[in-house]
């Protein structure tokens, strides 16, 4: 065989190897796109599954806030009544209850799991 035949065969092999490389790259890219779309689907499903938990947590916190607001409002009313009556003993008890209401609110925030 002459040198032109070897050059032609070499170019032909090079073109085939290049075509195979391009094809493998495209297949890898296609599988990567499919994998990314499935990852997005998984994340959307996880988000959808977390929504009821978030709603429940918000309901519990809203209930706690309502209870705290009611107890603090009641305690402030007792403080105001005790001040108007000039009853120092009842004022001390009412102030203690008011501080306890605030303390319970802060304690719940510190102990609530996130």
PDB file of N, CA and C in Angstrom:
ATOM      1  N   UNK A   1       0.841  -1.169   0.000  1.00  0.00           N
ATOM      2  CA  UNK A   1       0.000   0.000   0.000  1.00  0.00           C
ATOM      3  C   UNK A   1       0.889   1.236   0.000  1.00  0.00           C
ATOM      4  N   UNK A   2       0.397   2.181  -0.675  1.00  0.00           N
ATOM      5  CA  UNK A   2       1.190   3.417  -0.736  1.00  0.00           C
ATOM      6  C   UNK A   2       0.789   4.353   0.400  1.00  0.00           C
ATOM      7  N   UNK A   3       1.514   5.410   0.518  1.00  0.00           N
ATOM      8  CA  UNK A   3       1.352   6.350   1.629  1.00  0.00           C
ATOM      9  C   UNK A   3      -0.001   7.057   1.585  1.00  0.00           C
ATOM     10  N   UNK A   4      -0.570   7.301   0.426  1.00  0.00           N
ATOM     11  CA  UNK A   4      -1.867   7.972   0.295  1.00  0.00           C
ATOM     12  C   UNK A   4      -2.966   7.104   0.901  1.00  0.00           C
ATOM     13  N   UNK A   5      -2.874   5.793   0.728  1.00  0.00           N
ATOM     14  CA  UNK A   5      -3.863   4.881   1.303  1.00  0.00           C
ATOM     15  C   UNK A   5      -3.799   4.931   2.825  1.00  0.00           C
ATOM     16  N   UNK A   6      -2.572   4.941   3.383  1.00  0.00           N
ATOM     17  CA  UNK A   6      -2.417   5.005   4.832  1.00  0.00           C
ATOM     18  C   UNK A   6      -2.950   6.337   5.387  1.00  0.00           C
ATOM     19  N   UNK A   7      -2.733   7.404   4.703  1.00  0.00           N
ATOM     20  CA  UNK A   7      -3.241   8.704   5.134  1.00  0.00           C
ATOM     21  C   UNK A   7      -4.767   8.700   5.087  1.00  0.00           C
ATOM     22  N   UNK A   8      -5.330   8.122   4.017  1.00  0.00           N
ATOM     23  CA  UNK A   8      -6.789   8.046   3.882  1.00  0.00           C
ATOM     24  C   UNK A   8      -7.386   7.193   5.000  1.00  0.00           C
ATOM     25  N   UNK A   9      -6.770   6.044   5.288  1.00  0.00           N
ATOM     26  CA  UNK A   9      -7.263   5.167   6.362  1.00  0.00           C
ATOM     27  C   UNK A   9      -7.134   5.880   7.711  1.00  0.00           C
ATOM     28  N   UNK A  10      -6.039   6.567   7.924  1.00  0.00           N
ATOM     29  CA  UNK A  10      -5.839   7.305   9.169  1.00  0.00           C
ATOM     30  C   UNK A  10      -6.887   8.396   9.350  1.00  0.00           C
ATOM     31  N   UNK A  11      -7.177   9.151   8.262  1.00  0.00           N
ATOM     32  CA  UNK A  11      -8.210  10.191   8.345  1.00  0.00           C
ATOM     33  C   UNK A  11      -9.584   9.588   8.592  1.00  0.00           C
ATOM     34  N   UNK A  12      -9.840   8.443   7.936  1.00  0.00           N
ATOM     35  CA  UNK A  12     -11.120   7.761   8.109  1.00  0.00           C
ATOM     36  C   UNK A  12     -11.284   7.298   9.568  1.00  0.00           C
ATOM     37  N   UNK A  13     -10.223   6.719  10.140  1.00  0.00           N
ATOM     38  CA  UNK A  13     -10.267   6.289  11.546  1.00  0.00           C
ATOM     39  C   UNK A  13     -10.448   7.501  12.459  1.00  0.00           C
ATOM     40  N   UNK A  14      -9.761   8.592  12.160  1.00  0.00           N
ATOM     41  CA  UNK A  14      -9.887   9.811  12.961  1.00  0.00           C
ATOM     42  C   UNK A  14     -11.311  10.360  12.909  1.00  0.00           C
ATOM     43  N   UNK A  15     -11.919  10.346  11.739  1.00  0.00           N
ATOM     44  CA  UNK A  15     -13.292  10.835  11.594  1.00  0.00           C
ATOM     45  C   UNK A  15     -14.264   9.937  12.352  1.00  0.00           C
ATOM     46  N   UNK A  16     -14.059   8.625  12.282  1.00  0.00           N
ATOM     47  CA  UNK A  16     -14.931   7.690  12.998  1.00  0.00           C
ATOM     48  C   UNK A  16     -14.792   7.903  14.506  1.00  0.00           C
ATOM     49  N   UNK A  17     -13.547   8.037  14.999  1.00  0.00           N
ATOM     50  CA  UNK A  17     -13.341   8.272  16.426  1.00  0.00           C
ATOM     51  C   UNK A  17     -13.962   9.603  16.873  1.00  0.00           C
ATOM     52  N   UNK A  18     -13.845  10.616  16.053  1.00  0.00           N
ATOM     53  CA  UNK A  18     -14.446  11.911  16.358  1.00  0.00           C
ATOM     54  C   UNK A  18     -15.972  11.801  16.402  1.00  0.00           C
ATOM     55  N   UNK A  19     -16.562  11.078  15.453  1.00  0.00           N
ATOM     56  CA  UNK A  19     -18.017  10.889  15.421  1.00  0.00           C
ATOM     57  C   UNK A  19     -18.485  10.122  16.656  1.00  0.00           C
ATOM     58  N   UNK A  20     -17.742   9.073  17.036  1.00  0.00           N
ATOM     59  CA  UNK A  20     -18.101   8.300  18.226  1.00  0.00           C
ATOM     60  C   UNK A  20     -18.003   9.181  19.477  1.00  0.00           C
ATOM     61  N   UNK A  21     -16.968   9.995  19.574  1.00  0.00           N
ATOM     62  CA  UNK A  21     -16.814  10.907  20.711  1.00  0.00           C
ATOM     63  C   UNK A  21     -17.949  11.914  20.798  1.00  0.00           C
ATOM     64  N   UNK A  22     -18.334  12.484  19.653  1.00  0.00           N
ATOM     65  CA  UNK A  22     -19.447  13.447  19.637  1.00  0.00           C
ATOM     66  C   UNK A  22     -20.746  12.757  20.043  1.00  0.00           C
ATOM     67  N   UNK A  23     -20.975  11.542  19.516  1.00  0.00           N
ATOM     68  CA  UNK A  23     -22.191  10.797  19.855  1.00  0.00           C
ATOM     69  C   UNK A  23     -22.240  10.496  21.360  1.00  0.00           C
ATOM     70  N   UNK A  24     -21.130  10.030  21.914  1.00  0.00           N
ATOM     71  CA  UNK A  24     -21.089   9.733  23.354  1.00  0.00           C
ATOM     72  C   UNK A  24     -21.325  11.000  24.186  1.00  0.00           C
ATOM     73  N   UNK A  25     -20.787  12.108  23.736  1.00  0.00           N
ATOM     74  CA  UNK A  25     -21.011  13.372  24.436  1.00  0.00           C
ATOM     75  C   UNK A  25     -22.477  13.775  24.418  1.00  0.00           C
ATOM     76  N   UNK A  26     -23.122  13.591  23.258  1.00  0.00           N
ATOM     77  CA  UNK A  26     -24.544  13.931  23.162  1.00  0.00           C
ATOM     78  C   UNK A  26     -25.405  13.017  24.030  1.00  0.00           C
ATOM     79  N   UNK A  27     -25.077  11.733  24.067  1.00  0.00           N
ATOM     80  CA  UNK A  27     -25.831  10.792  24.902  1.00  0.00           C
ATOM     81  C   UNK A  27     -25.649  11.155  26.375  1.00  0.00           C
ATOM     82  N   UNK A  28     -24.426  11.476  26.773  1.00  0.00           N
ATOM     83  CA  UNK A  28     -24.163  11.884  28.150  1.00  0.00           C
ATOM     84  C   UNK A  28     -24.937  13.157  28.492  1.00  0.00           C
ATOM     85  N   UNK A  29     -24.980  14.096  27.582  1.00  0.00           N
ATOM     86  CA  UNK A  29     -25.718  15.334  27.791  1.00  0.00           C
ATOM     87  C   UNK A  29     -27.211  15.050  27.942  1.00  0.00           C
ATOM     88  N   UNK A  30     -27.751  14.159  27.094  1.00  0.00           N
ATOM     89  CA  UNK A  30     -29.172  13.808  27.164  1.00  0.00           C
ATOM     90  C   UNK A  30     -29.505  13.176  28.512  1.00  0.00           C
ATOM     91  N   UNK A  31     -28.664  12.276  28.989  1.00  0.00           N
ATOM     92  CA  UNK A  31     -28.904  11.640  30.284  1.00  0.00           C
ATOM     93  C   UNK A  31     -28.776  12.656  31.426  1.00  0.00           C
ATOM     94  N   UNK A  32     -27.877  13.604  31.290  1.00  0.00           N
ATOM     95  CA  UNK A  32     -27.738  14.654  32.307  1.00  0.00           C
ATOM     96  C   UNK A  32     -28.985  15.526  32.380  1.00  0.00           C
ATOM     97  N   UNK A  33     -29.548  15.862  31.229  1.00  0.00           N
ATOM     98  CA  UNK A  33     -30.777  16.674  31.205  1.00  0.00           C
ATOM     99  C   UNK A  33     -31.918  15.899  31.848  1.00  0.00           C
ATOM    100  N   UNK A  34     -32.040  14.616  31.513  1.00  0.00           N
ATOM    101  CA  UNK A  34     -33.095  13.789  32.101  1.00  0.00           C
ATOM    102  C   UNK A  34     -32.929  13.704  33.619  1.00  0.00           C
ATOM    103  N   UNK A  35     -31.695  13.519  34.069  1.00  0.00           N
ATOM    104  CA  UNK A  35     -31.427  13.438  35.502  1.00  0.00           C
ATOM    105  C   UNK A  35     -31.774  14.752  36.189  1.00  0.00           C
ATOM    106  N   UNK A  36     -31.443  15.875  35.588  1.00  0.00           N
ATOM    107  CA  UNK A  36     -31.760  17.173  36.184  1.00  0.00           C
ATOM    108  C   UNK A  36     -33.261  17.395  36.287  1.00  0.00           C
ATOM    109  N   UNK A  37     -34.017  17.000  35.258  1.00  0.00           N
ATOM    110  CA  UNK A  37     -35.472  17.134  35.323  1.00  0.00           C
ATOM    111  C   UNK A  37     -36.048  16.248  36.416  1.00  0.00           C
ATOM    112  N   UNK A  38     -35.514  15.038  36.582  1.00  0.00           N
ATOM    113  CA  UNK A  38     -36.019  14.173  37.646  1.00  0.00           C
ATOM    114  C   UNK A  38     -35.658  14.750  39.015  1.00  0.00           C
ATOM    115  N   UNK A  39     -34.494  15.395  39.147  1.00  0.00           N
ATOM    116  CA  UNK A  39     -34.141  16.047  40.407  1.00  0.00           C
ATOM    117  C   UNK A  39     -35.105  17.183  40.731  1.00  0.00           C
ATOM    118  N   UNK A  40     -35.510  17.928  39.711  1.00  0.00           N
ATOM    119  CA  UNK A  40     -36.483  19.001  39.914  1.00  0.00           C
ATOM    120  C   UNK A  40     -37.815  18.421  40.365  1.00  0.00           C
ATOM    121  N   UNK A  41     -38.229  17.313  39.764  1.00  0.00           N
ATOM    122  CA  UNK A  41     -39.474  16.670  40.175  1.00  0.00           C
ATOM    123  C   UNK A  41     -39.413  16.221  41.630  1.00  0.00           C
ATOM    124  N   UNK A  42     -38.279  15.673  42.036  1.00  0.00           N
ATOM    125  CA  UNK A  42     -38.117  15.236  43.423  1.00  0.00           C
ATOM    126  C   UNK A  42     -38.211  16.433  44.361  1.00  0.00           C
ATOM    127  N   UNK A  43     -37.550  17.536  44.022  1.00  0.00           N
ATOM    128  CA  UNK A  43     -37.598  18.729  44.880  1.00  0.00           C
ATOM    129  C   UNK A  43     -39.013  19.296  44.975  1.00  0.00           C
ATOM    130  N   UNK A  44     -39.743  19.301  43.862  1.00  0.00           N
ATOM    131  CA  UNK A  44     -41.119  19.795  43.900  1.00  0.00           C
ATOM    132  C   UNK A  44     -41.999  18.892  44.760  1.00  0.00           C
ATOM    133  N   UNK A  45     -41.783  17.585  44.686  1.00  0.00           N
ATOM    134  CA  UNK A  45     -42.550  16.651  45.511  1.00  0.00           C
ATOM    135  C   UNK A  45     -42.223  16.864  46.983  1.00  0.00           C
ATOM    136  N   UNK A  46     -40.951  17.058  47.319  1.00  0.00           N
ATOM    137  CA  UNK A  46     -40.576  17.310  48.705  1.00  0.00           C
ATOM    138  C   UNK A  46     -41.211  18.599  49.210  1.00  0.00           C
ATOM    139  N   UNK A  47     -41.213  19.627  48.374  1.00  0.00           N
ATOM    140  CA  UNK A  47     -41.834  20.899  48.770  1.00  0.00           C
ATOM    141  C   UNK A  47     -43.320  20.695  49.019  1.00  0.00           C
ATOM    142  N   UNK A  48     -43.960  19.930  48.133  1.00  0.00           N
ATOM    143  CA  UNK A  48     -45.387  19.656  48.277  1.00  0.00           C
ATOM    144  C   UNK A  48     -45.655  18.872  49.563  1.00  0.00           C
ATOM    145  N   UNK A  49     -44.775  17.935  49.906  1.00  0.00           N
ATOM    146  CA  UNK A  49     -44.947  17.140  51.117  1.00  0.00           C
ATOM    147  C   UNK A  49     -44.689  17.958  52.387  1.00  0.00           C
ATOM    148  N   UNK A  50     -43.895  19.005  52.307  1.00  0.00           N
ATOM    149  CA  UNK A  50     -43.579  19.829  53.473  1.00  0.00           C
ATOM    150  C   UNK A  50     -44.666  20.855  53.787  1.00  0.00           C
ATOM    151  N   UNK A  51     -45.497  21.207  52.819  1.00  0.00           N
ATOM    152  CA  UNK A  51     -46.510  22.240  53.051  1.00  0.00           C
ATOM    153  C   UNK A  51     -47.465  21.916  54.189  1.00  0.00           C
ATOM    154  N   UNK A  52     -48.005  20.689  54.290  1.00  0.00           N
ATOM    155  CA  UNK A  52     -48.900  20.411  55.432  1.00  0.00           C
ATOM    156  C   UNK A  52     -48.190  20.555  56.779  1.00  0.00           C
ATOM    157  N   UNK A  53     -46.917  20.189  56.838  1.00  0.00           N
ATOM    158  CA  UNK A  53     -46.167  20.343  58.084  1.00  0.00           C
ATOM    159  C   UNK A  53     -46.013  21.816  58.436  1.00  0.00           C
ATOM    160  N   UNK A  54     -45.745  22.637  57.439  1.00  0.00           N
ATOM    161  CA  UNK A  54     -45.604  24.068  57.670  1.00  0.00           C
ATOM    162  C   UNK A  54     -46.921  24.676  58.139  1.00  0.00           C
ATOM    163  N   UNK A  55     -48.023  24.278  57.523  1.00  0.00           N
ATOM    164  CA  UNK A  55     -49.337  24.792  57.919  1.00  0.00           C
ATOM    165  C   UNK A  55     -49.643  24.392  59.352  1.00  0.00           C
ATOM    166  N   UNK A  56     -49.356  23.148  59.717  1.00  0.00           N
ATOM    167  CA  UNK A  56     -49.602  22.682  61.080  1.00  0.00           C
ATOM    168  C   UNK A  56     -48.752  23.450  62.091  1.00  0.00           C
ATOM    169  N   UNK A  57     -47.516  23.677  61.745  1.00  0.00           N
ATOM    170  CA  UNK A  57     -46.635  24.438  62.627  1.00  0.00           C
ATOM    171  C   UNK A  57     -47.156  25.860  62.823  1.00  0.00           C
ATOM    172  N   UNK A  58     -47.607  26.471  61.753  1.00  0.00           N
ATOM    173  CA  UNK A  58     -48.155  27.836  61.845  1.00  0.00           C
ATOM    174  C   UNK A  58     -49.421  27.854  62.694  1.00  0.00           C
ATOM    175  N   UNK A  59     -50.265  26.832  62.567  1.00  0.00           N
ATOM    176  CA  UNK A  59     -51.473  26.766  63.382  1.00  0.00           C
ATOM    177  C   UNK A  59     -51.127  26.643  64.863  1.00  0.00           C
ATOM    178  N   UNK A  60     -50.133  25.801  65.182  1.00  0.00           N
ATOM    179  CA  UNK A  60     -49.723  25.641  66.573  1.00  0.00           C
ATOM    180  C   UNK A  60     -49.168  26.948  67.123  1.00  0.00           C
ATOM    181  N   UNK A  61     -48.355  27.619  66.330  1.00  0.00           N
ATOM    182  CA  UNK A  61     -47.775  28.885  66.783  1.00  0.00           C
ATOM    183  C   UNK A  61     -48.866  29.945  66.942  1.00  0.00           C
ATOM    184  N   UNK A  62     -49.839  29.959  66.039  1.00  0.00           N
ATOM    185  CA  UNK A  62     -50.937  30.914  66.133  1.00  0.00           C
ATOM    186  C   UNK A  62     -51.749  30.664  67.406  1.00  0.00           C
ATOM    187  N   UNK A  63     -51.970  29.402  67.733  1.00  0.00           N
ATOM    188  CA  UNK A  63     -52.690  29.069  68.956  1.00  0.00           C
ATOM    189  C   UNK A  63     -51.908  29.532  70.180  1.00  0.00           C
ATOM    190  N   UNK A  64     -50.603  29.300  70.149  1.00  0.00           N
ATOM    191  CA  UNK A  64     -49.766  29.745  71.262  1.00  0.00           C
ATOM    192  C   UNK A  64     -49.804  31.269  71.392  1.00  0.00           C
ATOM    193  N   UNK A  65     -49.695  31.962  70.287  1.00  0.00           N
ATOM    194  CA  UNK A  65     -49.733  33.432  70.315  1.00  0.00           C
ATOM    195  C   UNK A  65     -51.070  33.935  70.858  1.00  0.00           C
ATOM    196  N   UNK A  66     -52.142  33.283  70.453  1.00  0.00           N
ATOM    197  CA  UNK A  66     -53.458  33.691  70.936  1.00  0.00           C
ATOM    198  C   UNK A  66     -53.537  33.506  72.456  1.00  0.00           C
ATOM    199  N   UNK A  67     -53.088  32.345  72.944  1.00  0.00           N
ATOM    200  CA  UNK A  67     -53.114  32.084  74.381  1.00  0.00           C
ATOM    201  C   UNK A  67     -52.231  33.079  75.133  1.00  0.00           C
ATOM    202  N   UNK A  68     -51.060  33.356  74.594  1.00  0.00           N
ATOM    203  CA  UNK A  68     -50.145  34.299  75.237  1.00  0.00           C
ATOM    204  C   UNK A  68     -50.762  35.694  75.288  1.00  0.00           C
ATOM    205  N   UNK A  69     -51.338  36.128  74.186  1.00  0.00           N
ATOM    206  CA  UNK A  69     -51.952  37.449  74.139  1.00  0.00           C
ATOM    207  C   UNK A  69     -53.096  37.555  75.141  1.00  0.00           C
ATOM    208  N   UNK A  70     -53.916  36.519  75.230  1.00  0.00           N
ATOM    209  CA  UNK A  70     -55.019  36.542  76.182  1.00  0.00           C
ATOM    210  C   UNK A  70     -54.520  36.596  77.617  1.00  0.00           C
ATOM    211  N   UNK A  71     -53.501  35.777  77.932  1.00  0.00           N
ATOM    212  CA  UNK A  71     -53.006  35.770  79.316  1.00  0.00           C
ATOM    213  C   UNK A  71     -52.331  37.098  79.672  1.00  0.00           C
ATOM    214  N   UNK A  72     -51.580  37.661  78.735  1.00  0.00           N
ATOM    215  CA  UNK A  72     -50.911  38.934  79.016  1.00  0.00           C
ATOM    216  C   UNK A  72     -51.933  40.065  79.129  1.00  0.00           C
ATOM    217  N   UNK A  73     -52.943  40.057  78.278  1.00  0.00           N
ATOM    218  CA  UNK A  73     -53.993  41.081  78.348  1.00  0.00           C
ATOM    219  C   UNK A  73     -54.728  40.993  79.679  1.00  0.00           C
ATOM    220  N   UNK A  74     -55.024  39.770  80.098  1.00  0.00           N
ATOM    221  CA  UNK A  74     -55.700  39.586  81.380  1.00  0.00           C
ATOM    222  C   UNK A  74     -54.802  40.046  82.533  1.00  0.00           C
ATOM    223  N   UNK A  75     -53.523  39.719  82.460  1.00  0.00           N
ATOM    224  CA  UNK A  75     -52.591  40.128  83.518  1.00  0.00           C
ATOM    225  C   UNK A  75     -52.448  41.647  83.559  1.00  0.00           C
ATOM    226  N   UNK A  76     -52.393  42.291  82.400  1.00  0.00           N
ATOM    227  CA  UNK A  76     -52.297  43.751  82.376  1.00  0.00           C
ATOM    228  C   UNK A  76     -53.550  44.388  82.955  1.00  0.00           C
ATOM    229  N   UNK A  77     -54.684  43.771  82.689  1.00  0.00           N
ATOM    230  CA  UNK A  77     -55.935  44.275  83.255  1.00  0.00           C
ATOM    231  C   UNK A  77     -55.911  44.175  84.775  1.00  0.00           C
ATOM    232  N   UNK A  78     -55.397  43.033  85.291  1.00  0.00           N
ATOM    233  CA  UNK A  78     -55.307  42.882  86.749  1.00  0.00           C
ATOM    234  C   UNK A  78     -54.318  43.890  87.341  1.00  0.00           C
ATOM    235  N   UNK A  79     -53.226  44.158  86.635  1.00  0.00           N
ATOM    236  CA  UNK A  79     -52.261  45.160  87.117  1.00  0.00           C
ATOM    237  C   UNK A  79     -52.926  46.527  87.176  1.00  0.00           C
ATOM    238  N   UNK A  80     -53.654  46.855  86.129  1.00  0.00           N
ATOM    239  CA  UNK A  80     -54.331  48.157  86.081  1.00  0.00           C
ATOM    240  C   UNK A  80     -55.364  48.280  87.195  1.00  0.00           C
ATOM    241  N   UNK A  81     -56.141  47.206  87.407  1.00  0.00           N
ATOM    242  CA  UNK A  81     -57.144  47.232  88.474  1.00  0.00           C
ATOM    243  C   UNK A  81     -56.496  47.385  89.840  1.00  0.00           C
ATOM    244  N   UNK A  82     -55.396  46.649  90.061  1.00  0.00           N
ATOM    245  CA  UNK A  82     -54.713  46.721  91.354  1.00  0.00           C
ATOM    246  C   UNK A  82     -54.126  48.111  91.572  1.00  0.00           C
ATOM    247  N   UNK A  83     -53.625  48.752  90.535  1.00  0.00           N
ATOM    248  CA  UNK A  83     -53.095  50.122  90.679  1.00  0.00           C
ATOM    249  C   UNK A  83     -54.202  51.100  91.018  1.00  0.00           C
ATOM    250  N   UNK A  84     -55.342  50.950  90.348  1.00  0.00           N
ATOM    251  CA  UNK A  84     -56.453  51.873  90.615  1.00  0.00           C
ATOM    252  C   UNK A  84     -56.984  51.715  92.035  1.00  0.00           C
ATOM    253  N   UNK A  85     -56.966  50.464  92.531  1.00  0.00           N
ATOM    254  CA  UNK A  85     -57.460  50.218  93.889  1.00  0.00           C
ATOM    255  C   UNK A  85     -56.401  50.529  94.935  1.00  0.00           C
ATOM    256  N   UNK A  86     -55.138  50.633  94.518  1.00  0.00           N
ATOM    257  CA  UNK A  86     -54.063  50.917  95.448  1.00  0.00           C
ATOM    258  C   UNK A  86     -53.675  49.710  96.287  1.00  0.00           C
ATOM    259  N   UNK A  87     -54.024  48.519  95.824  1.00  0.00           N
ATOM    260  CA  UNK A  87     -53.730  47.283  96.565  1.00  0.00           C
ATOM    261  C   UNK A  87     -52.343  46.791  96.155  1.00  0.00           C
ATOM    262  N   UNK A  88     -51.345  47.021  97.023  1.00  0.00           N
ATOM    263  CA  UNK A  88     -49.953  46.695  96.708  1.00  0.00           C
ATOM    264  C   UNK A  88     -49.765  45.182  96.591  1.00  0.00           C
ATOM    265  N   UNK A  89     -50.428  44.421  97.478  1.00  0.00           N
ATOM    266  CA  UNK A  89     -50.266  42.958  97.436  1.00  0.00           C
ATOM    267  C   UNK A  89     -50.782  42.398  96.109  1.00  0.00           C
ATOM    268  N   UNK A  90     -51.974  42.814  95.716  1.00  0.00           N
ATOM    269  CA  UNK A  90     -52.545  42.337  94.445  1.00  0.00           C
ATOM    270  C   UNK A  90     -51.724  42.842  93.255  1.00  0.00           C
ATOM    271  N   UNK A  91     -51.160  44.054  93.377  1.00  0.00           N
ATOM    272  CA  UNK A  91     -50.322  44.593  92.316  1.00  0.00           C
ATOM    273  C   UNK A  91     -49.079  43.726  92.117  1.00  0.00           C
ATOM    274  N   UNK A  92     -48.467  43.297  93.233  1.00  0.00           N
ATOM    275  CA  UNK A  92     -47.302  42.419  93.139  1.00  0.00           C
ATOM    276  C   UNK A  92     -47.648  41.092  92.490  1.00  0.00           C
ATOM    277  N   UNK A  93     -48.774  40.523  92.879  1.00  0.00           N
ATOM    278  CA  UNK A  93     -49.211  39.250  92.292  1.00  0.00           C
ATOM    279  C   UNK A  93     -49.487  39.422  90.801  1.00  0.00           C
ATOM    280  N   UNK A  94     -50.164  40.516  90.435  1.00  0.00           N
ATOM    281  CA  UNK A  94     -50.493  40.763  89.033  1.00  0.00           C
ATOM    282  C   UNK A  94     -49.241  41.007  88.201  1.00  0.00           C
ATOM    283  N   UNK A  95     -48.272  41.751  88.757  1.00  0.00           N
ATOM    284  CA  UNK A  95     -47.016  41.994  88.039  1.00  0.00           C
ATOM    285  C   UNK A  95     -46.251  40.689  87.833  1.00  0.00           C
ATOM    286  N   UNK A  96     -46.258  39.833  88.849  1.00  0.00           N
ATOM    287  CA  UNK A  96     -45.593  38.534  88.735  1.00  0.00           C
ATOM    288  C   UNK A  96     -46.255  37.694  87.636  1.00  0.00           C
ATOM    289  N   UNK A  97     -47.589  37.712  87.587  1.00  0.00           N
ATOM    290  CA  UNK A  97     -48.309  36.965  86.556  1.00  0.00           C
ATOM    291  C   UNK A  97     -47.991  37.529  85.170  1.00  0.00           C
ATOM    292  N   UNK A  98     -47.877  38.864  85.086  1.00  0.00           N
ATOM    293  CA  UNK A  98     -47.549  39.485  83.805  1.00  0.00           C
ATOM    294  C   UNK A  98     -46.153  39.074  83.345  1.00  0.00           C
ATOM    295  N   UNK A  99     -45.184  39.109  84.261  1.00  0.00           N
ATOM    296  CA  UNK A  99     -43.827  38.682  83.903  1.00  0.00           C
ATOM    297  C   UNK A  99     -43.792  37.205  83.529  1.00  0.00           C
ATOM    298  N   UNK A 100     -44.570  36.392  84.222  1.00  0.00           N
ATOM    299  CA  UNK A 100     -44.625  34.955  83.917  1.00  0.00           C
ATOM    300  C   UNK A 100     -45.208  34.731  82.521  1.00  0.00           C
ATOM    301  N   UNK A 101     -46.205  35.538  82.156  1.00  0.00           N
ATOM    302  CA  UNK A 101     -46.780  35.421  80.808  1.00  0.00           C
ATOM    303  C   UNK A 101     -45.751  35.727  79.741  1.00  0.00           C
ATOM    304  N   UNK A 102     -44.966  36.784  79.961  1.00  0.00           N
ATOM    305  CA  UNK A 102     -43.909  37.110  79.006  1.00  0.00           C
ATOM    306  C   UNK A 102     -42.832  36.033  79.007  1.00  0.00           C
ATOM    307  N   UNK A 103     -42.499  35.554  80.189  1.00  0.00           N
ATOM    308  CA  UNK A 103     -41.465  34.514  80.287  1.00  0.00           C
ATOM    309  C   UNK A 103     -41.878  33.228  79.598  1.00  0.00           C
ATOM    310  N   UNK A 104     -43.149  32.841  79.735  1.00  0.00           N
ATOM    311  CA  UNK A 104     -43.632  31.633  79.064  1.00  0.00           C
ATOM    312  C   UNK A 104     -43.584  31.787  77.558  1.00  0.00           C
ATOM    313  N   UNK A 105     -43.858  32.986  77.091  1.00  0.00           N
ATOM    314  CA  UNK A 105     -43.799  33.231  75.649  1.00  0.00           C
ATOM    315  C   UNK A 105     -42.388  33.045  75.143  1.00  0.00           C
ATOM    316  N   UNK A 106     -41.429  33.620  75.859  1.00  0.00           N
ATOM    317  CA  UNK A 106     -40.032  33.500  75.434  1.00  0.00           C
ATOM    318  C   UNK A 106     -39.530  32.074  75.604  1.00  0.00           C
ATOM    319  N   UNK A 107     -39.962  31.384  76.675  1.00  0.00           N
ATOM    320  CA  UNK A 107     -39.545  30.010  76.884  1.00  0.00           C
ATOM    321  C   UNK A 107     -40.049  29.125  75.750  1.00  0.00           C
ATOM    322  N   UNK A 108     -41.277  29.333  75.291  1.00  0.00           N
ATOM    323  CA  UNK A 108     -41.829  28.522  74.199  1.00  0.00           C
ATOM    324  C   UNK A 108     -41.020  28.744  72.930  1.00  0.00           C
ATOM    325  N   UNK A 109     -40.612  29.984  72.690  1.00  0.00           N
ATOM    326  CA  UNK A 109     -39.815  30.251  71.490  1.00  0.00           C
ATOM    327  C   UNK A 109     -38.474  29.552  71.555  1.00  0.00           C
ATOM    328  N   UNK A 110     -37.866  29.493  72.742  1.00  0.00           N
ATOM    329  CA  UNK A 110     -36.557  28.857  72.863  1.00  0.00           C
ATOM    330  C   UNK A 110     -36.637  27.345  72.771  1.00  0.00           C
ATOM    331  N   UNK A 111     -37.754  26.745  73.174  1.00  0.00           N
ATOM    332  CA  UNK A 111     -37.864  25.285  73.202  1.00  0.00           C
ATOM    333  C   UNK A 111     -38.544  24.710  71.981  1.00  0.00           C
ATOM    334  N   UNK A 112     -39.061  25.547  71.106  1.00  0.00           N
ATOM    335  CA  UNK A 112     -39.745  25.061  69.913  1.00  0.00           C
ATOM    336  C   UNK A 112     -38.731  24.509  68.923  1.00  0.00           C
ATOM    337  N   UNK A 113     -38.936  23.245  68.454  1.00  0.00           N
ATOM    338  CA  UNK A 113     -37.995  22.697  67.459  1.00  0.00           C
ATOM    339  C   UNK A 113     -38.163  23.399  66.131  1.00  0.00           C
ATOM    340  N   UNK A 114     -37.053  23.578  65.422  1.00  0.00           N
ATOM    341  CA  UNK A 114     -37.097  24.238  64.123  1.00  0.00           C
ATOM    342  C   UNK A 114     -37.004  23.246  63.017  1.00  0.00           C
TER     343      UNK A 114
END
